[in-house]
PDB file of N, CA and C in Angstrom:
ATOM      1  N   MET A   1     -17.724  18.124  -9.145  1.00  0.00           N
ATOM      2  CA  MET A   1     -16.371  17.620  -8.938  1.00  0.00           C
ATOM      3  C   MET A   1     -15.664  17.497 -10.293  1.00  0.00           C
ATOM      4  N   LYS A   2     -14.411  17.875 -10.298  1.00  0.00           N
ATOM      5  CA  LYS A   2     -13.663  17.776 -11.553  1.00  0.00           C
ATOM      6  C   LYS A   2     -13.323  16.323 -11.878  1.00  0.00           C
ATOM      7  N   ARG A   3     -13.159  16.052 -13.154  1.00  0.00           N
ATOM      8  CA  ARG A   3     -12.906  14.677 -13.584  1.00  0.00           C
ATOM      9  C   ARG A   3     -11.639  14.120 -12.934  1.00  0.00           C
ATOM     10  N   VAL A   4     -10.584  14.932 -12.886  1.00  0.00           N
ATOM     11  CA  VAL A   4      -9.326  14.449 -12.306  1.00  0.00           C
ATOM     12  C   VAL A   4      -9.514  14.107 -10.834  1.00  0.00           C
ATOM     13  N   GLU A   5     -10.243  14.967 -10.112  1.00  0.00           N
ATOM     14  CA  GLU A   5     -10.448  14.711  -8.689  1.00  0.00           C
ATOM     15  C   GLU A   5     -11.236  13.419  -8.482  1.00  0.00           C
ATOM     16  N   SER A   6     -12.278  13.229  -9.282  1.00  0.00           N
ATOM     17  CA  SER A   6     -13.088  12.019  -9.123  1.00  0.00           C
ATOM     18  C   SER A   6     -12.253  10.783  -9.451  1.00  0.00           C
ATOM     19  N   ARG A   7     -11.399  10.900 -10.449  1.00  0.00           N
ATOM     20  CA  ARG A   7     -10.550   9.754 -10.814  1.00  0.00           C
ATOM     21  C   ARG A   7      -9.606   9.423  -9.663  1.00  0.00           C
ATOM     22  N   MET A   8      -9.025  10.435  -9.047  1.00  0.00           N
ATOM     23  CA  MET A   8      -8.126  10.193  -7.922  1.00  0.00           C
ATOM     24  C   MET A   8      -8.885   9.549  -6.774  1.00  0.00           C
ATOM     25  N   TYR A   9     -10.109  10.021  -6.537  1.00  0.00           N
ATOM     26  CA  TYR A   9     -10.918   9.467  -5.451  1.00  0.00           C
ATOM     27  C   TYR A   9     -11.218   7.998  -5.721  1.00  0.00           C
ATOM     28  N   VAL A  10     -11.587   7.692  -6.962  1.00  0.00           N
ATOM     29  CA  VAL A  10     -11.893   6.306  -7.322  1.00  0.00           C
ATOM     30  C   VAL A  10     -10.651   5.434  -7.142  1.00  0.00           C
ATOM     31  N   ARG A  11      -9.502   5.953  -7.571  1.00  0.00           N
ATOM     32  CA  ARG A  11      -8.263   5.183  -7.450  1.00  0.00           C
ATOM     33  C   ARG A  11      -7.946   4.914  -5.979  1.00  0.00           C
ATOM     34  N   ASP A  12      -8.090   5.929  -5.134  1.00  0.00           N
ATOM     35  CA  ASP A  12      -7.815   5.746  -3.711  1.00  0.00           C
ATOM     36  C   ASP A  12      -8.790   4.748  -3.103  1.00  0.00           C
ATOM     37  N   PHE A  13     -10.068   4.844  -3.510  1.00  0.00           N
ATOM     38  CA  PHE A  13     -11.082   3.939  -2.969  1.00  0.00           C
ATOM     39  C   PHE A  13     -10.778   2.499  -3.371  1.00  0.00           C
ATOM     40  N   ILE A  14     -10.433   2.300  -4.644  1.00  0.00           N
ATOM     41  CA  ILE A  14     -10.103   0.950  -5.121  1.00  0.00           C
ATOM     42  C   ILE A  14      -8.869   0.431  -4.385  1.00  0.00           C
ATOM     43  N   GLY A  15      -7.887   1.300  -4.195  1.00  0.00           N
ATOM     44  CA  GLY A  15      -6.677   0.891  -3.487  1.00  0.00           C
ATOM     45  C   GLY A  15      -6.988   0.471  -2.057  1.00  0.00           C
ATOM     46  N   PHE A  16      -7.893   1.211  -1.411  1.00  0.00           N
ATOM     47  CA  PHE A  16      -8.279   0.896  -0.040  1.00  0.00           C
ATOM     48  C   PHE A  16      -8.991  -0.451   0.012  1.00  0.00           C
ATOM     49  N   VAL A  17      -9.932  -0.653  -0.905  1.00  0.00           N
ATOM     50  CA  VAL A  17     -10.674  -1.925  -0.939  1.00  0.00           C
ATOM     51  C   VAL A  17      -9.718  -3.078  -1.228  1.00  0.00           C
ATOM     52  N   TYR A  18      -8.805  -2.873  -2.179  1.00  0.00           N
ATOM     53  CA  TYR A  18      -7.839  -3.905  -2.541  1.00  0.00           C
ATOM     54  C   TYR A  18      -6.999  -4.286  -1.322  1.00  0.00           C
ATOM     55  N   TYR A  19      -6.534  -3.274  -0.569  1.00  0.00           N
ATOM     56  CA  TYR A  19      -5.729  -3.532   0.618  1.00  0.00           C
ATOM     57  C   TYR A  19      -6.533  -4.317   1.649  1.00  0.00           C
ATOM     58  N   GLU A  20      -7.797  -3.926   1.836  1.00  0.00           N
ATOM     59  CA  GLU A  20      -8.653  -4.611   2.803  1.00  0.00           C
ATOM     60  C   GLU A  20      -8.828  -6.083   2.415  1.00  0.00           C
ATOM     61  N   VAL A  21      -9.062  -6.327   1.131  1.00  0.00           N
ATOM     62  CA  VAL A  21      -9.271  -7.704   0.658  1.00  0.00           C
ATOM     63  C   VAL A  21      -8.007  -8.531   0.854  1.00  0.00           C
ATOM     64  N   ILE A  22      -6.866  -7.965   0.490  1.00  0.00           N
ATOM     65  CA  ILE A  22      -5.601  -8.689   0.645  1.00  0.00           C
ATOM     66  C   ILE A  22      -5.350  -9.001   2.119  1.00  0.00           C
ATOM     67  N   THR A  23      -5.646  -8.040   2.991  1.00  0.00           N
ATOM     68  CA  THR A  23      -5.448  -8.270   4.424  1.00  0.00           C
ATOM     69  C   THR A  23      -6.350  -9.389   4.911  1.00  0.00           C
ATOM     70  N   GLU A  24      -7.614  -9.373   4.485  1.00  0.00           N
ATOM     71  CA  GLU A  24      -8.557 -10.417   4.901  1.00  0.00           C
ATOM     72  C   GLU A  24      -8.063 -11.784   4.443  1.00  0.00           C
ATOM     73  N   ILE A  25      -7.617 -11.885   3.206  1.00  0.00           N
ATOM     74  CA  ILE A  25      -7.135 -13.160   2.666  1.00  0.00           C
ATOM     75  C   ILE A  25      -5.897 -13.620   3.438  1.00  0.00           C
ATOM     76  N   SER A  26      -4.997 -12.691   3.718  1.00  0.00           N
ATOM     77  CA  SER A  26      -3.774 -13.048   4.439  1.00  0.00           C
ATOM     78  C   SER A  26      -4.116 -13.583   5.829  1.00  0.00           C
ATOM     79  N   VAL A  27      -5.051 -12.918   6.497  1.00  0.00           N
ATOM     80  CA  VAL A  27      -5.435 -13.339   7.847  1.00  0.00           C
ATOM     81  C   VAL A  27      -6.117 -14.704   7.790  1.00  0.00           C
ATOM     82  N   MET A  28      -6.933 -14.926   6.783  1.00  0.00           N
ATOM     83  CA  MET A  28      -7.612 -16.227   6.668  1.00  0.00           C
ATOM     84  C   MET A  28      -6.600 -17.351   6.478  1.00  0.00           C
ATOM     85  N   HIS A  29      -5.586 -17.122   5.659  1.00  0.00           N
ATOM     86  CA  HIS A  29      -4.607 -18.158   5.371  1.00  0.00           C
ATOM     87  C   HIS A  29      -3.569 -18.301   6.486  1.00  0.00           C
ATOM     88  N   ASN A  30      -3.256 -17.187   7.155  1.00  0.00           N
ATOM     89  CA  ASN A  30      -2.235 -17.241   8.202  1.00  0.00           C
ATOM     90  C   ASN A  30      -2.548 -16.185   9.260  1.00  0.00           C
ATOM     91  N   PRO A  31      -3.209 -16.574  10.350  1.00  0.00           N
ATOM     92  CA  PRO A  31      -3.586 -15.615  11.397  1.00  0.00           C
ATOM     93  C   PRO A  31      -2.404 -14.825  11.943  1.00  0.00           C
ATOM     94  N   ALA A  32      -1.194 -15.348  11.816  1.00  0.00           N
ATOM     95  CA  ALA A  32      -0.023 -14.639  12.328  1.00  0.00           C
ATOM     96  C   ALA A  32       0.231 -13.360  11.546  1.00  0.00           C
ATOM     97  N   ASN A  33      -0.353 -13.250  10.332  1.00  0.00           N
ATOM     98  CA  ASN A  33      -0.148 -12.059   9.519  1.00  0.00           C
ATOM     99  C   ASN A  33      -1.100 -10.929   9.907  1.00  0.00           C
ATOM    100  N   ALA A  34      -1.970 -11.167  10.868  1.00  0.00           N
ATOM    101  CA  ALA A  34      -2.954 -10.155  11.241  1.00  0.00           C
ATOM    102  C   ALA A  34      -2.246  -8.887  11.702  1.00  0.00           C
ATOM    103  N   PRO A  35      -2.650  -7.730  11.152  1.00  0.00           N
ATOM    104  CA  PRO A  35      -2.047  -6.459  11.586  1.00  0.00           C
ATOM    105  C   PRO A  35      -2.420  -6.148  13.026  1.00  0.00           C
ATOM    106  N   VAL A  36      -1.600  -5.368  13.667  1.00  0.00           N
ATOM    107  CA  VAL A  36      -1.832  -5.039  15.081  1.00  0.00           C
ATOM    108  C   VAL A  36      -3.115  -4.223  15.212  1.00  0.00           C
TER     109      VAL A  36
END
């Protein structure tokens, strides 16, 4: 795998994990924020 491709993959993976964590925290603090 090329370095640029791996970097993009890592960035997307981190972004996905970050989104998941933020969603979990939001739901814990306010269940009304739960996504459909």
